[in-house]
Structure formats: C-alpha cells, structure tokens
Amino acid sequence: DLYEELMSEYLAVLTRRSIKWSKLLKGKSKVQKNVRLKRYVRKGIPNEHRPLIWMAASGAQDQLDKNPEYYQSLLGARHDPKLVETICTDLNRTFPDNINFRKTSSPCWQKALFNVLSAYGHHNPSVGYCQGMNFIAGYLLIVTKDEEKSFWLMEALLGRILPDYFTPAMLGLKMDQEVLGELVKVKNPKVWQTMMDQNVTWTLVVSRWFICLYIDVLPVETVLRVWDCLFYEGSKILFRVALTLIHHNEALIQQAQSLPDVCQAFKQITHGPFVDNCHSFMQKIFIEPGSFSTSTLTKLRAMCRSRIITEES
C-alpha cells in the first residue's frame, strides 16, 4: 500500500517533468550540456527522453556518428569461441524475472544482449567479458530498446566514465571502494571506526554497489535516476549515493557488534521507504554527503591506486 501511494505521487511528478522536458527539447534530436540541462537531469529524465539524453551527455552519440558502420562490423567479425561460451553461460541469468529476457518472449532480448556483449568483448579485448557486464548491457537494452545505442553507452561507461572497473585486475573498482573508505573516514568517522573495529573490508560490503552500478541493489526507478546523473556528471555520483546511504543509516551501522552484523546492516540500508522514494532520495544525494571536489577525488584515487598496486605486487 505504501509503495502504491508512493508511486501515485511520483507519477504526478513524472507527468510534470515530462511536460517541462518536452518544452525544453522542442523535438530536437541533439542537446548541448548546460546548467539548465544539468538541473533537469538531476530532477529526472522521462523514459521517452532517456536514450537521447544518455547518448548525448555521455559522448556515446558522438562516437556512433563518427563510426556509423563500426557496431555492425564487430558483429560480422570472427568471434572468439571462449568469449562466446562465457557470455552464453550468463544469458539465462540476466534479469530472469523480466519478461523481455525470457526465451518464450517475442521478441526475446537474449539475442540482442549476446550481440552487445560479444561486440563489446571484441571491441575491447583487454576487458573481454566478465560477470556484471551482462546486467549493465541488459539494463541499457531495457532503456534504449536499441542494440547499437546500448553498445555505445556501454563503451562510454566502461571506457571513459568507469575505466578499469571490468579489466581482469579490476583495479578501478578496487580503487573506488578504497576511495569510499577514505571519504567515510572524513565524513562519517564513527562508521569508519565501526568498520575498523569489526575488521570489515569495504570490498565485502560495497563491491556489488559499484560493480552493478546499483542494479538489483536499489529499486528500479531509483537506479534509473542514479544513472541519469551518472551519464551526465560521471562517476562522482556513485560516491554520492554510497555516502548518502551510509550517512542516513549511521546509527544502524554503529550498532553492529560483529562482521555479520555489519554485512546485514549494509544489506538493510538499500531497502525501505528512504530509497523507494527516488525523488526525495536523489535530492538528498546532493545535500547529505556535503561537498567533495573532483580534485579531492583525483588525489584520493591516485593514493588508493598506488596503495593497491604496492599491496598486490
């Protein structure tokens, strides 16, 4: 009942936003980044405009325009049998509850999902394919309903917005989890102390948040809103979401008396009214964590990257 009430309120918000977006875009197929557009993106992009805005904001549209035949050429190239086998293993595991990905559906998006993943694997052989990428590609297909756009958005995400997240060493992913720890140390020292006291690594509790970009972690509408900002503003958004979840649930995490308690608390904080109400949640991610500059993030990343390389060498 609470969810129904929430959604009926949110639908009214969506209707208002949709009218404003239609006035802003006036049927244009190209958009330029500016302060007004950024404000609109933070308030949520209506479903019908998401593919256009994501493609424009991430630079994916520019890449598609410069390389119009490239995606088809990847599909036509000789496929690496090992890559194909690995991708095929994960196809049935991708959104099994979503009707579009069931084998009985017409059309079934499993073929499109395979195409996007194999094209990306051949486009970026240093990454190839690893688990987690299937959910990202599947999510992009759900939003764009277009293979080629999904491929170029994936290229923008994994190549530019989140480099080294899906390479075999996953250095970018490990680094950003450590960076989150450093930010929590400054912004929520009591939570940081709890983590130290219970000997819990950040990887243990937040790796899924980062590797799945909050898919299957937060409610669908909330994830879509997070991705709106991710494509427009970059990876800083992932930290804003994580810090808001931690800040808002500081007291709950501090109550943890053991490692399992901490893990349970981190599972708990991604459910409930606070995250269900995506509109108010997205307002809070730009307020609750306070400010942290891009230069701060760059310094922390350099420090954490070098620490990880030293530890692993």
C-alpha atoms as a PDB file:
ATOM      1  CA  ASP A   1       0.000   0.000   0.000  1.00  0.00           C
ATOM      2  CA  LEU A   2       2.828   2.343   0.929  1.00  0.00           C
ATOM      3  CA  TYR A   3       4.548   1.644  -2.412  1.00  0.00           C
ATOM      4  CA  GLU A   4       1.294   2.243  -4.352  1.00  0.00           C
ATOM      5  CA  GLU A   5       0.861   5.564  -2.561  1.00  0.00           C
ATOM      6  CA  LEU A   6       4.458   6.493  -3.278  1.00  0.00           C
ATOM      7  CA  MET A   7       4.147   5.635  -6.972  1.00  0.00           C
ATOM      8  CA  SER A   8       0.911   7.568  -7.419  1.00  0.00           C
ATOM      9  CA  GLU A   9       2.666  10.660  -6.029  1.00  0.00           C
ATOM     10  CA  TYR A  10       5.734  10.011  -8.196  1.00  0.00           C
ATOM     11  CA  LEU A  11       3.615   9.596 -11.348  1.00  0.00           C
ATOM     12  CA  ALA A  12       2.306  13.122 -10.818  1.00  0.00           C
ATOM     13  CA  VAL A  13       5.922  14.337 -10.559  1.00  0.00           C
ATOM     14  CA  LEU A  14       6.809  12.417 -13.756  1.00  0.00           C
ATOM     15  CA  THR A  15       3.922  13.984 -15.656  1.00  0.00           C
ATOM     16  CA  ARG A  16       5.040  17.497 -14.645  1.00  0.00           C
ATOM     17  CA  ARG A  17       8.658  16.726 -15.563  1.00  0.00           C
ATOM     18  CA  SER A  18       7.622  15.243 -18.915  1.00  0.00           C
ATOM     19  CA  ILE A  19       5.821  18.459 -19.916  1.00  0.00           C
ATOM     20  CA  LYS A  20       8.865  20.561 -18.919  1.00  0.00           C
ATOM     21  CA  TRP A  21      11.256  18.285 -20.827  1.00  0.00           C
ATOM     22  CA  SER A  22       9.103  18.422 -23.977  1.00  0.00           C
ATOM     23  CA  LYS A  23       9.229  22.228 -23.840  1.00  0.00           C
ATOM     24  CA  LEU A  24      12.986  22.164 -23.296  1.00  0.00           C
ATOM     25  CA  LEU A  25      13.762  19.756 -26.150  1.00  0.00           C
ATOM     26  CA  LYS A  26      11.114  21.009 -28.626  1.00  0.00           C
ATOM     27  CA  GLY A  27      11.529  17.810 -30.660  1.00  0.00           C
ATOM     28  CA  LYS A  28      15.299  18.318 -31.128  1.00  0.00           C
ATOM     29  CA  SER A  29      17.471  15.254 -31.634  1.00  0.00           C
ATOM     30  CA  LYS A  30      20.644  16.987 -30.366  1.00  0.00           C
ATOM     31  CA  VAL A  31      21.272  18.618 -26.994  1.00  0.00           C
ATOM     32  CA  GLN A  32      24.126  20.630 -25.506  1.00  0.00           C
ATOM     33  CA  LYS A  33      25.254  20.369 -21.882  1.00  0.00           C
ATOM     34  CA  ASN A  34      24.442  23.464 -19.819  1.00  0.00           C
ATOM     35  CA  VAL A  35      23.418  24.465 -16.292  1.00  0.00           C
ATOM     36  CA  ARG A  36      19.702  24.227 -17.074  1.00  0.00           C
ATOM     37  CA  LEU A  37      20.002  20.746 -18.589  1.00  0.00           C
ATOM     38  CA  LYS A  38      22.055  19.553 -15.586  1.00  0.00           C
ATOM     39  CA  ARG A  39      19.282  20.791 -13.245  1.00  0.00           C
ATOM     40  CA  TYR A  40      16.678  18.970 -15.333  1.00  0.00           C
ATOM     41  CA  VAL A  41      18.745  15.747 -15.337  1.00  0.00           C
ATOM     42  CA  ARG A  42      19.060  15.823 -11.544  1.00  0.00           C
ATOM     43  CA  LYS A  43      15.287  16.052 -11.284  1.00  0.00           C
ATOM     44  CA  GLY A  44      14.872  13.001 -13.521  1.00  0.00           C
ATOM     45  CA  ILE A  45      14.665  12.297 -17.246  1.00  0.00           C
ATOM     46  CA  PRO A  46      11.312  10.955 -18.520  1.00  0.00           C
ATOM     47  CA  ASN A  47      11.573   7.447 -20.028  1.00  0.00           C
ATOM     48  CA  GLU A  48      10.843   8.657 -23.560  1.00  0.00           C
ATOM     49  CA  HIS A  49      13.839  11.058 -23.488  1.00  0.00           C
ATOM     50  CA  ARG A  50      16.363   8.868 -21.629  1.00  0.00           C
ATOM     51  CA  PRO A  51      18.077   7.316 -24.683  1.00  0.00           C
ATOM     52  CA  LEU A  52      18.572  10.758 -26.283  1.00  0.00           C
ATOM     53  CA  ILE A  53      19.951  12.413 -23.125  1.00  0.00           C
ATOM     54  CA  TRP A  54      22.138   9.480 -22.054  1.00  0.00           C
ATOM     55  CA  MET A  55      23.627   9.228 -25.554  1.00  0.00           C
ATOM     56  CA  ALA A  56      24.275  12.990 -25.774  1.00  0.00           C
ATOM     57  CA  ALA A  57      25.569  13.526 -22.226  1.00  0.00           C
ATOM     58  CA  SER A  58      27.959  10.556 -22.232  1.00  0.00           C
ATOM     59  CA  GLY A  59      29.501  11.270 -25.634  1.00  0.00           C
ATOM     60  CA  ALA A  60      28.118   7.969 -26.974  1.00  0.00           C
ATOM     61  CA  GLN A  61      26.165   9.739 -29.739  1.00  0.00           C
ATOM     62  CA  ASP A  62      29.320  11.467 -30.970  1.00  0.00           C
ATOM     63  CA  GLN A  63      31.099   8.107 -31.151  1.00  0.00           C
ATOM     64  CA  LEU A  64      28.196   6.493 -33.015  1.00  0.00           C
ATOM     65  CA  ASP A  65      28.082   9.407 -35.502  1.00  0.00           C
ATOM     66  CA  LYS A  66      31.836   9.153 -36.130  1.00  0.00           C
ATOM     67  CA  ASN A  67      31.725   5.353 -36.535  1.00  0.00           C
ATOM     68  CA  PRO A  68      28.386   4.570 -38.214  1.00  0.00           C
ATOM     69  CA  GLU A  69      29.328   1.083 -39.504  1.00  0.00           C
ATOM     70  CA  TYR A  70      31.520   0.019 -36.593  1.00  0.00           C
ATOM     71  CA  TYR A  71      28.981  -1.906 -34.497  1.00  0.00           C
ATOM     72  CA  GLN A  72      27.811  -3.992 -37.474  1.00  0.00           C
ATOM     73  CA  SER A  73      31.424  -4.720 -38.420  1.00  0.00           C
ATOM     74  CA  LEU A  74      32.050  -6.099 -34.893  1.00  0.00           C
ATOM     75  CA  LEU A  75      29.031  -8.389 -35.216  1.00  0.00           C
ATOM     76  CA  GLY A  76      30.255  -9.606 -38.600  1.00  0.00           C
ATOM     77  CA  ALA A  77      33.800 -10.307 -37.421  1.00  0.00           C
ATOM     78  CA  ARG A  78      35.012 -13.778 -36.460  1.00  0.00           C
ATOM     79  CA  HIS A  79      34.018 -14.441 -32.853  1.00  0.00           C
ATOM     80  CA  ASP A  80      36.374 -15.749 -30.191  1.00  0.00           C
ATOM     81  CA  PRO A  81      34.834 -19.120 -29.147  1.00  0.00           C
ATOM     82  CA  LYS A  82      35.939 -18.757 -25.497  1.00  0.00           C
ATOM     83  CA  LEU A  83      34.341 -15.293 -25.233  1.00  0.00           C
ATOM     84  CA  VAL A  84      31.112 -16.583 -26.825  1.00  0.00           C
ATOM     85  CA  GLU A  85      30.962 -19.510 -24.403  1.00  0.00           C
ATOM     86  CA  THR A  86      31.465 -17.280 -21.334  1.00  0.00           C
ATOM     87  CA  ILE A  87      28.764 -14.832 -22.472  1.00  0.00           C
ATOM     88  CA  CYS A  88      26.282 -17.631 -23.279  1.00  0.00           C
ATOM     89  CA  THR A  89      26.682 -19.029 -19.734  1.00  0.00           C
ATOM     90  CA  ASP A  90      25.315 -15.769 -18.289  1.00  0.00           C
ATOM     91  CA  LEU A  91      22.461 -15.057 -20.727  1.00  0.00           C
ATOM     92  CA  ASN A  92      19.806 -17.018 -18.788  1.00  0.00           C
ATOM     93  CA  ARG A  93      20.939 -15.453 -15.519  1.00  0.00           C
ATOM     94  CA  THR A  94      20.314 -11.914 -16.760  1.00  0.00           C
ATOM     95  CA  PHE A  95      17.056 -10.446 -15.418  1.00  0.00           C
ATOM     96  CA  PRO A  96      15.251 -13.832 -15.348  1.00  0.00           C
ATOM     97  CA  ASP A  97      12.148 -12.100 -13.925  1.00  0.00           C
ATOM     98  CA  ASN A  98      11.954  -9.602 -16.787  1.00  0.00           C
ATOM     99  CA  ILE A  99       9.552 -10.807 -19.471  1.00  0.00           C
ATOM    100  CA  ASN A 100      11.712  -9.389 -22.309  1.00  0.00           C
ATOM    101  CA  PHE A 101      14.611 -11.694 -21.418  1.00  0.00           C
ATOM    102  CA  ARG A 102      12.608 -14.925 -21.318  1.00  0.00           C
ATOM    103  CA  LYS A 103      13.245 -17.370 -24.152  1.00  0.00           C
ATOM    104  CA  THR A 104       9.492 -17.677 -24.719  1.00  0.00           C
ATOM    105  CA  SER A 105       9.100 -13.931 -25.352  1.00  0.00           C
ATOM    106  CA  SER A 106       8.714 -12.477 -28.806  1.00  0.00           C
ATOM    107  CA  PRO A 107      10.991 -10.736 -29.390  1.00  0.00           C
ATOM    108  CA  CYS A 108      13.400 -12.221 -26.845  1.00  0.00           C
ATOM    109  CA  TRP A 109      16.179  -9.801 -25.930  1.00  0.00           C
ATOM    110  CA  GLN A 110      18.703 -12.526 -25.163  1.00  0.00           C
ATOM    111  CA  LYS A 111      19.984 -12.380 -28.761  1.00  0.00           C
ATOM    112  CA  ALA A 112      20.360  -8.585 -28.570  1.00  0.00           C
ATOM    113  CA  LEU A 113      22.120  -8.966 -25.198  1.00  0.00           C
ATOM    114  CA  PHE A 114      24.519 -11.523 -26.707  1.00  0.00           C
ATOM    115  CA  ASN A 115      25.251  -9.184 -29.626  1.00  0.00           C
ATOM    116  CA  VAL A 116      26.024  -6.185 -27.403  1.00  0.00           C
ATOM    117  CA  LEU A 117      28.272  -8.200 -25.070  1.00  0.00           C
ATOM    118  CA  SER A 118      30.169 -10.024 -27.821  1.00  0.00           C
ATOM    119  CA  ALA A 119      30.604  -6.782 -29.813  1.00  0.00           C
ATOM    120  CA  TYR A 120      31.989  -5.074 -26.711  1.00  0.00           C
ATOM    121  CA  GLY A 121      34.260  -8.032 -25.941  1.00  0.00           C
ATOM    122  CA  HIS A 122      35.786  -7.818 -29.416  1.00  0.00           C
ATOM    123  CA  HIS A 123      35.916  -4.015 -29.335  1.00  0.00           C
ATOM    124  CA  ASN A 124      37.826  -4.061 -26.036  1.00  0.00           C
ATOM    125  CA  PRO A 125      39.763  -7.342 -25.830  1.00  0.00           C
ATOM    126  CA  SER A 126      41.689  -6.207 -22.711  1.00  0.00           C
ATOM    127  CA  VAL A 127      38.324  -6.372 -20.895  1.00  0.00           C
ATOM    128  CA  GLY A 128      36.580  -9.062 -22.953  1.00  0.00           C
ATOM    129  CA  TYR A 129      33.668 -10.116 -20.781  1.00  0.00           C
ATOM    130  CA  CYS A 130      33.256 -10.518 -17.045  1.00  0.00           C
ATOM    131  CA  GLN A 131      30.287 -11.040 -14.745  1.00  0.00           C
ATOM    132  CA  GLY A 132      28.303  -7.903 -14.027  1.00  0.00           C
ATOM    133  CA  MET A 133      28.588  -6.613 -17.580  1.00  0.00           C
ATOM    134  CA  ASN A 134      25.515  -8.672 -18.558  1.00  0.00           C
ATOM    135  CA  PHE A 135      23.323  -6.691 -16.141  1.00  0.00           C
ATOM    136  CA  ILE A 136      24.683  -3.374 -17.367  1.00  0.00           C
ATOM    137  CA  ALA A 137      24.097  -4.300 -21.033  1.00  0.00           C
ATOM    138  CA  GLY A 138      20.647  -5.703 -20.195  1.00  0.00           C
ATOM    139  CA  TYR A 139      19.682  -2.516 -18.372  1.00  0.00           C
ATOM    140  CA  LEU A 140      20.818  -0.396 -21.311  1.00  0.00           C
ATOM    141  CA  LEU A 141      18.692  -2.518 -23.674  1.00  0.00           C
ATOM    142  CA  ILE A 142      15.642  -2.117 -21.413  1.00  0.00           C
ATOM    143  CA  VAL A 143      16.039   1.677 -21.558  1.00  0.00           C
ATOM    144  CA  THR A 144      17.127   2.224 -25.177  1.00  0.00           C
ATOM    145  CA  LYS A 145      15.477  -0.810 -26.852  1.00  0.00           C
ATOM    146  CA  ASP A 146      18.351  -0.469 -29.322  1.00  0.00           C
ATOM    147  CA  GLU A 147      21.428  -2.702 -29.657  1.00  0.00           C
ATOM    148  CA  GLU A 148      23.765  -0.166 -31.232  1.00  0.00           C
ATOM    149  CA  LYS A 149      22.932   2.581 -28.726  1.00  0.00           C
ATOM    150  CA  SER A 150      23.390   0.104 -25.878  1.00  0.00           C
ATOM    151  CA  PHE A 151      26.823  -0.827 -27.233  1.00  0.00           C
ATOM    152  CA  TRP A 152      27.988   2.785 -27.444  1.00  0.00           C
ATOM    153  CA  LEU A 153      26.594   3.626 -23.988  1.00  0.00           C
ATOM    154  CA  MET A 154      28.445   0.611 -22.624  1.00  0.00           C
ATOM    155  CA  GLU A 155      31.610   1.837 -24.335  1.00  0.00           C
ATOM    156  CA  ALA A 156      31.129   5.264 -22.696  1.00  0.00           C
ATOM    157  CA  LEU A 157      30.531   3.709 -19.271  1.00  0.00           C
ATOM    158  CA  LEU A 158      33.332   1.152 -19.211  1.00  0.00           C
ATOM    159  CA  GLY A 159      35.810   3.033 -21.366  1.00  0.00           C
ATOM    160  CA  ARG A 160      35.527   6.606 -20.091  1.00  0.00           C
ATOM    161  CA  ILE A 161      33.229   7.006 -17.071  1.00  0.00           C
ATOM    162  CA  LEU A 162      34.428   3.921 -15.139  1.00  0.00           C
ATOM    163  CA  PRO A 163      37.807   2.876 -16.593  1.00  0.00           C
ATOM    164  CA  ASP A 164      39.439  -0.271 -15.179  1.00  0.00           C
ATOM    165  CA  TYR A 165      36.262  -1.452 -13.438  1.00  0.00           C
ATOM    166  CA  PHE A 166      35.989  -4.578 -15.550  1.00  0.00           C
ATOM    167  CA  THR A 167      39.600  -5.290 -16.532  1.00  0.00           C
ATOM    168  CA  PRO A 168      40.913  -8.645 -15.234  1.00  0.00           C
ATOM    169  CA  ALA A 169      42.649  -6.920 -12.266  1.00  0.00           C
ATOM    170  CA  MET A 170      39.573  -4.710 -11.616  1.00  0.00           C
ATOM    171  CA  LEU A 171      41.927  -2.008 -10.384  1.00  0.00           C
ATOM    172  CA  GLY A 172      39.447   0.840 -10.932  1.00  0.00           C
ATOM    173  CA  LEU A 173      36.765  -0.977  -8.949  1.00  0.00           C
ATOM    174  CA  LYS A 174      39.095  -1.807  -6.044  1.00  0.00           C
ATOM    175  CA  MET A 175      40.424   1.744  -6.061  1.00  0.00           C
ATOM    176  CA  ASP A 176      36.970   3.363  -5.868  1.00  0.00           C
ATOM    177  CA  GLN A 177      35.935   1.098  -2.977  1.00  0.00           C
ATOM    178  CA  GLU A 178      39.054   2.233  -1.091  1.00  0.00           C
ATOM    179  CA  VAL A 179      38.285   5.862  -2.011  1.00  0.00           C
ATOM    180  CA  LEU A 180      34.814   5.454  -0.497  1.00  0.00           C
ATOM    181  CA  GLY A 181      36.509   4.251   2.708  1.00  0.00           C
ATOM    182  CA  GLU A 182      38.705   7.370   2.765  1.00  0.00           C
ATOM    183  CA  LEU A 183      35.668   9.620   2.243  1.00  0.00           C
ATOM    184  CA  VAL A 184      33.742   7.854   5.036  1.00  0.00           C
ATOM    185  CA  LYS A 185      36.778   8.262   7.319  1.00  0.00           C
ATOM    186  CA  VAL A 186      36.458  12.049   6.923  1.00  0.00           C
ATOM    187  CA  LYS A 187      32.676  12.429   6.650  1.00  0.00           C
ATOM    188  CA  ASN A 188      31.408   9.623   8.930  1.00  0.00           C
ATOM    189  CA  PRO A 189      34.314   8.777  11.270  1.00  0.00           C
ATOM    190  CA  LYS A 190      32.102   6.723  13.618  1.00  0.00           C
ATOM    191  CA  VAL A 191      31.044   4.400  10.789  1.00  0.00           C
ATOM    192  CA  TRP A 192      34.667   4.138   9.668  1.00  0.00           C
ATOM    193  CA  GLN A 193      35.657   3.196  13.237  1.00  0.00           C
ATOM    194  CA  THR A 194      32.950   0.505  13.352  1.00  0.00           C
ATOM    195  CA  MET A 195      34.355  -0.970  10.144  1.00  0.00           C
ATOM    196  CA  MET A 196      37.858  -0.979  11.653  1.00  0.00           C
ATOM    197  CA  ASP A 197      36.684  -2.429  14.988  1.00  0.00           C
ATOM    198  CA  GLN A 198      34.863  -5.316  13.278  1.00  0.00           C
ATOM    199  CA  ASN A 199      37.682  -5.792  10.734  1.00  0.00           C
ATOM    200  CA  VAL A 200      35.354  -5.414   7.720  1.00  0.00           C
ATOM    201  CA  THR A 201      36.834  -4.512   4.335  1.00  0.00           C
ATOM    202  CA  TRP A 202      34.894  -2.143   2.083  1.00  0.00           C
ATOM    203  CA  THR A 203      35.032  -4.731  -0.723  1.00  0.00           C
ATOM    204  CA  LEU A 204      32.928  -7.062   1.390  1.00  0.00           C
ATOM    205  CA  VAL A 205      30.008  -4.649   1.759  1.00  0.00           C
ATOM    206  CA  VAL A 206      30.021  -2.320  -1.259  1.00  0.00           C
ATOM    207  CA  SER A 207      31.578  -4.224  -4.188  1.00  0.00           C
ATOM    208  CA  ARG A 208      28.124  -5.123  -5.530  1.00  0.00           C
ATOM    209  CA  TRP A 209      27.010  -1.478  -5.312  1.00  0.00           C
ATOM    210  CA  PHE A 210      29.874  -0.416  -7.573  1.00  0.00           C
ATOM    211  CA  ILE A 211      30.189  -3.378  -9.950  1.00  0.00           C
ATOM    212  CA  CYS A 212      26.438  -3.471 -10.733  1.00  0.00           C
ATOM    213  CA  LEU A 213      26.107   0.342 -10.560  1.00  0.00           C
ATOM    214  CA  TYR A 214      23.283  -0.221  -8.028  1.00  0.00           C
ATOM    215  CA  ILE A 215      21.245  -2.551 -10.305  1.00  0.00           C
ATOM    216  CA  ASP A 216      19.414  -5.096  -8.124  1.00  0.00           C
ATOM    217  CA  VAL A 217      20.698  -3.168  -5.093  1.00  0.00           C
ATOM    218  CA  LEU A 218      18.318  -0.183  -5.166  1.00  0.00           C
ATOM    219  CA  PRO A 219      14.752  -0.053  -6.565  1.00  0.00           C
ATOM    220  CA  VAL A 220      14.460   0.204 -10.366  1.00  0.00           C
ATOM    221  CA  GLU A 221      13.185   3.801 -10.504  1.00  0.00           C
ATOM    222  CA  THR A 222      15.946   4.923  -8.129  1.00  0.00           C
ATOM    223  CA  VAL A 223      18.631   3.188 -10.233  1.00  0.00           C
ATOM    224  CA  LEU A 224      17.334   4.914 -13.381  1.00  0.00           C
ATOM    225  CA  ARG A 225      17.597   8.276 -11.634  1.00  0.00           C
ATOM    226  CA  VAL A 226      21.135   7.462 -10.426  1.00  0.00           C
ATOM    227  CA  TRP A 227      22.119   6.505 -13.997  1.00  0.00           C
ATOM    228  CA  ASP A 228      20.640   9.772 -15.357  1.00  0.00           C
ATOM    229  CA  CYS A 229      23.231  11.623 -13.265  1.00  0.00           C
ATOM    230  CA  LEU A 230      25.979   9.037 -13.842  1.00  0.00           C
ATOM    231  CA  PHE A 231      25.878   9.582 -17.613  1.00  0.00           C
ATOM    232  CA  TYR A 232      25.683  13.355 -17.214  1.00  0.00           C
ATOM    233  CA  GLU A 233      28.053  14.017 -14.281  1.00  0.00           C
ATOM    234  CA  GLY A 234      30.308  10.959 -14.171  1.00  0.00           C
ATOM    235  CA  SER A 235      31.458   8.509 -11.516  1.00  0.00           C
ATOM    236  CA  LYS A 236      31.283  11.009  -8.629  1.00  0.00           C
ATOM    237  CA  ILE A 237      27.569  10.124  -8.439  1.00  0.00           C
ATOM    238  CA  LEU A 238      28.371   6.559  -7.294  1.00  0.00           C
ATOM    239  CA  PHE A 239      30.122   8.024  -4.228  1.00  0.00           C
ATOM    240  CA  ARG A 240      27.288  10.471  -3.525  1.00  0.00           C
ATOM    241  CA  VAL A 241      24.783   7.576  -3.462  1.00  0.00           C
ATOM    242  CA  ALA A 242      27.011   5.403  -1.237  1.00  0.00           C
ATOM    243  CA  LEU A 243      27.782   8.241   1.187  1.00  0.00           C
ATOM    244  CA  THR A 244      24.081   9.168   1.452  1.00  0.00           C
ATOM    245  CA  LEU A 245      23.110   5.567   2.253  1.00  0.00           C
ATOM    246  CA  ILE A 246      25.847   5.372   4.901  1.00  0.00           C
ATOM    247  CA  HIS A 247      25.206   8.836   6.366  1.00  0.00           C
ATOM    248  CA  HIS A 248      21.460   8.288   6.625  1.00  0.00           C
ATOM    249  CA  ASN A 249      21.953   4.928   8.373  1.00  0.00           C
ATOM    250  CA  GLU A 250      24.937   5.856  10.524  1.00  0.00           C
ATOM    251  CA  ALA A 251      23.244   4.839  13.802  1.00  0.00           C
ATOM    252  CA  LEU A 252      22.200   1.420  12.447  1.00  0.00           C
ATOM    253  CA  ILE A 253      25.724   0.597  11.202  1.00  0.00           C
ATOM    254  CA  GLN A 254      27.273   1.714  14.508  1.00  0.00           C
ATOM    255  CA  GLN A 255      25.120  -0.810  16.393  1.00  0.00           C
ATOM    256  CA  ALA A 256      26.938  -3.693  14.664  1.00  0.00           C
ATOM    257  CA  GLN A 257      28.782  -5.958  17.090  1.00  0.00           C
ATOM    258  CA  SER A 258      30.346  -8.362  14.584  1.00  0.00           C
ATOM    259  CA  LEU A 259      31.304  -8.797  10.935  1.00  0.00           C
ATOM    260  CA  PRO A 260      27.945 -10.494  10.064  1.00  0.00           C
ATOM    261  CA  ASP A 261      26.134  -7.590  11.810  1.00  0.00           C
ATOM    262  CA  VAL A 262      27.923  -5.068   9.589  1.00  0.00           C
ATOM    263  CA  CYS A 263      27.130  -7.076   6.435  1.00  0.00           C
ATOM    264  CA  GLN A 264      23.463  -7.328   7.473  1.00  0.00           C
ATOM    265  CA  ALA A 265      23.279  -3.579   8.150  1.00  0.00           C
ATOM    266  CA  PHE A 266      24.690  -2.791   4.687  1.00  0.00           C
ATOM    267  CA  LYS A 267      22.078  -5.068   3.096  1.00  0.00           C
ATOM    268  CA  GLN A 268      19.316  -3.439   5.127  1.00  0.00           C
ATOM    269  CA  ILE A 269      20.180   0.145   4.188  1.00  0.00           C
ATOM    270  CA  THR A 270      19.440  -0.417   0.495  1.00  0.00           C
ATOM    271  CA  HIS A 271      15.766  -1.228   1.195  1.00  0.00           C
ATOM    272  CA  GLY A 272      12.794   0.665   2.585  1.00  0.00           C
ATOM    273  CA  PRO A 273      10.980   3.986   2.131  1.00  0.00           C
ATOM    274  CA  PHE A 274      14.161   6.090   2.106  1.00  0.00           C
ATOM    275  CA  VAL A 275      15.375   4.530  -1.172  1.00  0.00           C
ATOM    276  CA  ASP A 276      11.906   3.736  -2.586  1.00  0.00           C
ATOM    277  CA  ASN A 277      11.083   7.432  -2.797  1.00  0.00           C
ATOM    278  CA  CYS A 278      13.549   8.085  -5.618  1.00  0.00           C
ATOM    279  CA  HIS A 279      12.647  11.759  -5.974  1.00  0.00           C
ATOM    280  CA  SER A 280      13.488  12.744  -2.392  1.00  0.00           C
ATOM    281  CA  PHE A 281      16.435  10.301  -2.322  1.00  0.00           C
ATOM    282  CA  MET A 282      18.017  11.972  -5.357  1.00  0.00           C
ATOM    283  CA  GLN A 283      17.579  15.399  -3.763  1.00  0.00           C
ATOM    284  CA  LYS A 284      19.391  14.112  -0.668  1.00  0.00           C
ATOM    285  CA  ILE A 285      22.418  12.713  -2.521  1.00  0.00           C
ATOM    286  CA  PHE A 286      23.358  16.280  -3.463  1.00  0.00           C
ATOM    287  CA  ILE A 287      22.916  17.551   0.107  1.00  0.00           C
ATOM    288  CA  GLU A 288      23.674  14.874   2.744  1.00  0.00           C
ATOM    289  CA  PRO A 289      27.253  13.921   1.779  1.00  0.00           C
ATOM    290  CA  GLY A 290      28.305  17.589   1.665  1.00  0.00           C
ATOM    291  CA  SER A 291      30.830  18.762  -0.886  1.00  0.00           C
ATOM    292  CA  PHE A 292      33.882  16.968  -2.233  1.00  0.00           C
ATOM    293  CA  SER A 293      35.691  18.329  -5.239  1.00  0.00           C
ATOM    294  CA  THR A 294      36.825  16.482  -8.337  1.00  0.00           C
ATOM    295  CA  SER A 295      40.421  17.351  -7.391  1.00  0.00           C
ATOM    296  CA  THR A 296      39.924  15.689  -3.965  1.00  0.00           C
ATOM    297  CA  LEU A 297      38.586  12.596  -5.702  1.00  0.00           C
ATOM    298  CA  THR A 298      41.535  12.573  -8.145  1.00  0.00           C
ATOM    299  CA  LYS A 299      44.066  12.782  -5.262  1.00  0.00           C
ATOM    300  CA  LEU A 300      42.316  10.032  -3.291  1.00  0.00           C
ATOM    301  CA  ARG A 301      42.180   7.804  -6.374  1.00  0.00           C
ATOM    302  CA  ALA A 302      45.905   8.259  -7.019  1.00  0.00           C
ATOM    303  CA  MET A 303      46.705   7.451  -3.377  1.00  0.00           C
ATOM    304  CA  CYS A 304      44.455   4.353  -3.253  1.00  0.00           C
ATOM    305  CA  ARG A 305      45.609   3.108  -6.653  1.00  0.00           C
ATOM    306  CA  SER A 306      49.251   3.251  -5.631  1.00  0.00           C
ATOM    307  CA  ARG A 307      48.458   1.558  -2.290  1.00  0.00           C
ATOM    308  CA  ILE A 308      46.649  -1.328  -4.034  1.00  0.00           C
ATOM    309  CA  ILE A 309      49.437  -1.794  -6.594  1.00  0.00           C
ATOM    310  CA  THR A 310      52.030  -1.879  -3.768  1.00  0.00           C
ATOM    311  CA  GLU A 311      49.973  -4.399  -1.749  1.00  0.00           C
ATOM    312  CA  GLU A 312      49.405  -6.663  -4.748  1.00  0.00           C
ATOM    313  CA  SER A 313      52.955  -6.591  -6.091  1.00  0.00           C
END
